[in-house]
Protein backbone atom coordinates (compact mmCIF):
# COMPACT_ATOMS: atom_id res chain seq x y z
CA MET A 1 -0.21 0.04 -0.25
CA GLY A 2 1.77 3.15 -1.11
CA PHE A 3 0.26 5.18 2.02
CA ILE A 4 2.13 3.38 4.35
CA LYS A 5 5.44 3.19 2.46
CA GLU A 6 5.10 6.78 2.26
CA LEU A 7 4.53 7.33 5.87
CA ILE A 8 7.51 4.91 6.70
CA LYS A 9 9.64 6.56 4.78
CA ALA A 10 8.76 10.07 6.71
CA ARG A 11 9.18 8.19 9.70
CA ASN A 12 13.03 8.32 9.35
CA THR A 13 12.80 11.18 11.05
CA GLY A 14 12.75 10.18 13.99
CA GLN A 15 8.64 11.05 14.69
CA THR A 16 6.94 7.97 15.88
CA VAL A 17 3.53 9.36 16.52
CA PHE A 18 1.16 11.60 13.66
CA SER A 19 -1.35 13.03 13.76
CA PHE A 20 -4.20 13.78 10.92
CA ALA A 21 -2.82 17.19 10.29
CA ASP A 22 0.76 15.84 9.91
CA LEU A 23 -0.11 12.43 7.61
CA ASN A 24 -2.11 15.33 5.69
CA GLY A 25 1.20 17.51 4.68
CA ILE A 26 3.21 14.05 4.60
CA VAL A 27 0.85 12.00 1.97
CA GLN A 28 0.44 13.56 -1.31
CA ASP A 29 -1.98 11.60 -2.95
CA TYR A 30 -4.58 11.33 0.40
CA SER A 31 -6.51 14.26 1.87
CA GLY A 32 -9.85 14.98 3.44
CA ALA A 33 -12.60 11.80 3.24
CA LYS A 34 -9.76 9.72 0.95
CA LEU A 35 -6.89 9.99 3.87
CA ARG A 36 -9.75 9.47 6.55
CA SER A 37 -10.70 6.10 5.01
CA ALA A 38 -7.03 5.34 3.95
CA LEU A 39 -6.06 5.35 8.04
CA LYS A 40 -9.30 3.31 8.95
CA TYR A 41 -8.33 0.77 6.39
CA ALA A 42 -4.93 0.87 7.63
CA VAL A 43 -5.83 0.50 11.43
CA LYS A 44 -8.07 -2.17 10.20
CA MET A 45 -5.27 -3.80 8.99
CA GLY A 46 -2.52 -3.84 11.48
CA ASP A 47 -0.39 -1.11 9.86
CA LEU A 48 -1.44 1.26 11.76
CA PHE A 49 -1.86 1.91 15.53
CA ARG A 50 -4.82 4.41 16.74
CA ILE A 51 -3.76 6.13 20.19
CA SER A 52 -6.49 8.52 20.34
CA ARG A 53 -8.69 10.33 18.10
CA GLY A 54 -6.69 11.78 15.28
CA ILE A 55 -3.35 10.72 16.64
CA TYR A 56 -1.27 7.50 15.35
CA ALA A 57 1.65 5.58 15.57
CA ILE A 58 3.31 2.99 13.22
CA SER A 59 3.92 0.46 16.12
CA LYS A 60 2.82 0.23 19.74
CA ASP A 61 5.99 1.55 20.83
CA TYR A 62 5.90 5.37 20.02
CA SER A 63 7.44 7.70 22.06
CA ARG A 64 4.89 8.80 25.21
CA GLN A 65 6.26 12.17 25.65
CA GLU A 66 6.11 12.60 21.94
CA PHE A 67 2.29 11.91 22.38
CA ALA A 68 1.56 13.80 24.98
CA ASN A 69 2.79 17.04 22.97
CA LYS A 70 0.54 16.03 20.09
CA TYR A 71 -2.67 15.33 22.24
CA ARG A 72 -2.68 18.93 23.93
CA THR A 73 -1.07 21.80 21.69
CA PRO A 74 0.58 24.13 22.36
CA SER A 75 2.24 22.12 25.64
CA TYR A 76 5.82 20.90 26.62
CA VAL A 77 6.96 18.45 28.64
CA SER A 78 8.42 19.59 32.34
CA LEU A 79 7.74 19.58 36.14
CA TYR A 80 8.51 16.10 37.54
CA THR A 81 9.39 14.52 34.14
CA VAL A 82 12.05 16.76 33.75
CA LEU A 83 13.17 16.79 37.17
CA GLN A 84 13.16 13.11 37.49
CA GLU A 85 15.64 12.82 34.08
CA THR A 86 17.80 15.43 35.13
CA GLY A 87 18.64 13.82 38.71
CA VAL A 88 17.16 17.09 40.18
CA VAL A 89 14.23 14.60 41.95
CA PHE A 90 15.16 10.80 43.03
CA GLN A 91 11.32 9.92 43.46
CA PRO A 92 10.32 8.12 40.07
CA TYR A 93 7.34 9.11 38.50
CA SER A 94 5.81 7.19 36.21
CA SER A 95 3.17 10.00 34.77
CA ILE A 96 4.15 12.10 32.22
CA TYR A 97 3.85 16.20 33.44
CA LEU A 98 3.38 18.56 31.16
CA ALA A 99 2.97 22.61 30.95
CA ALA A 100 -0.11 23.41 28.81
CA ASN A 101 -3.11 26.24 28.16
CA ARG A 102 -5.37 23.90 30.35
CA THR A 103 -5.22 21.87 33.33
CA GLN A 104 -6.08 17.82 32.21
CA GLU A 105 -5.42 14.68 33.72
CA MET A 106 -6.08 11.33 31.40
CA GLU A 107 -4.45 8.02 30.88
CA ILE A 108 -4.07 6.28 27.41
CA ASP A 109 -2.63 3.10 26.52
CA SER A 110 -1.74 2.89 29.96
CA GLN A 111 -0.21 5.85 30.22
CA LYS A 112 -1.25 8.60 33.02
CA TYR A 113 -0.32 11.80 31.32
CA ILE A 114 -1.30 15.28 34.01
CA TYR A 115 -1.17 18.41 31.99
CA ARG A 116 -0.94 21.88 34.38
CA LYS A 117 -2.47 25.05 32.73
CA ILE A 118 0.33 28.04 32.49
CA LYS A 119 -0.44 31.55 31.50
CA ALA A 120 -0.23 31.47 27.44
CA GLU A 121 2.83 34.25 27.62
CA ILE A 122 5.46 31.49 29.58
CA LEU A 123 3.79 28.88 27.69
CA LEU A 124 4.92 30.15 24.50
CA ASN A 125 8.39 31.42 25.56
CA PRO A 126 10.88 29.46 23.93
CA LEU A 127 13.90 30.21 26.52
CA GLY A 128 14.69 27.42 28.40
CA MET A 129 12.73 24.81 25.76
CA VAL A 130 14.96 22.36 23.94
CA ASN A 131 13.33 20.01 20.88
CA ILE A 132 14.80 16.71 21.18
CA ASN A 133 13.41 13.87 19.14
CA GLN A 134 10.36 15.73 18.78
CA VAL A 135 9.79 16.03 21.60
CA GLN A 136 9.30 19.74 22.96
CA LYS A 137 10.91 19.51 26.62
CA SER A 138 12.11 22.26 29.34
CA VAL A 139 15.61 22.25 30.75
CA LYS A 140 15.58 21.32 34.38
CA GLU A 141 16.33 25.21 35.37
CA ARG A 142 13.32 25.84 33.57
CA ALA A 143 11.38 22.32 35.05
CA VAL A 144 12.77 24.23 38.75
CA CYS A 145 10.83 27.73 37.83
CA ASP A 146 7.68 25.61 36.65
CA LYS A 147 7.15 23.97 39.97
CA LEU A 148 7.82 26.74 41.67
CA TYR A 149 5.82 29.56 39.92
CA LEU A 150 3.15 26.71 40.08
CA ASP A 151 2.90 25.17 43.41
CA GLY A 152 5.04 27.37 45.69
CA ASP A 153 8.74 27.06 47.32
CA GLU A 154 9.50 23.53 47.36
CA TYR A 155 12.13 21.26 48.09
CA PHE A 156 14.24 19.65 45.82
CA ASP A 157 16.84 17.00 46.10
CA ASN A 158 19.53 17.44 43.97
CA LEU A 159 20.41 21.33 43.18
CA ARG A 160 24.38 21.15 42.37
CA GLU A 161 24.73 21.09 38.78
CA MET A 162 21.57 23.87 38.27
CA ASP A 163 22.47 27.37 35.89
CA TRP A 164 21.54 29.93 38.51
CA GLU A 165 22.50 32.51 35.58
CA LEU A 166 20.11 30.95 33.49
CA MET A 167 17.18 30.89 36.39
CA ARG A 168 17.75 34.50 37.39
CA LYS A 169 16.91 35.22 33.15
CA LEU A 170 14.14 32.53 32.94
CA ASN A 171 12.73 33.90 35.96
CA GLU A 172 13.29 38.10 34.74
CA GLU A 173 12.44 37.14 30.79
CA VAL A 174 9.82 34.32 31.27
CA TYR A 175 7.97 34.44 34.56
CA GLY A 176 8.36 38.81 35.31
CA ARG A 177 10.31 38.38 38.41
CA ASN A 178 8.58 35.83 39.97
CA THR A 179 8.97 36.70 43.88
CA VAL A 180 8.90 32.42 45.05
CA ILE A 181 11.48 32.04 42.12
CA SER A 182 13.87 35.30 43.32
CA SER A 183 13.36 33.91 46.97
CA PHE A 184 14.50 30.48 46.20
CA ILE A 185 17.29 31.40 44.29
CA VAL A 186 18.54 33.80 46.94
CA LYS A 187 18.07 30.74 49.48
CA ASN A 188 20.02 28.24 47.07
CA CYS A 189 22.50 30.04 44.96
CA VAL A 190 26.25 28.92 46.50
C-alpha cells in the first residue's frame, strides 16, 4: 500500500507519532475523506495504531512524550518528568507531566498524562526549551521554575548542577520576576 510506504519513509525523521494534520502533509495523494478512509483501513489491517482520535503511530512502541505534545498543543514536557530525568528529584514518577494551556489528567494506552495550566506568555516563551527527538521539553532550570511558579516553594533533592544565571534570566524574561522564584534563587544559590 503506497500510503504506508510513504509514511514509513517519513518515519526516518525520528517521528513516531503522527497527527491527522501531519499525515495530510506527508502523504500527497490523500486528503480529507480519502485520507480518513485510508487511515481506517491501515488501522484495521494493523499497519497503523490509533492512539487517540486523530493521532496515530506506526507501532505500539511510540514515544509517549511525543504523543503528549501532539495531544495537547501547545504544550511542553516539564515539572516532575524533567526533574526526574535530570536527577533534580530522586523519587520515580511514572506519569508524564506537561505545561499546557489548560489543566487535564488522563490515561491513554496505560500511560497517565498530567497537563498543568500555565499562562500563555510563559507557555509560548521559547527560553529554556529544547526539542529532543520530536519532543518539546524544558531544561531542568525551567522545570524548577515551572514547579515553583505553579506550586510555591518546594524542596528539591539535587541542585548541585543548576545554572543559576539561567534561572535568573528565566525569572526575569519568562516569569516576570516571580517573588517565589527570586527567593528560591537567593536561598539556594551558593
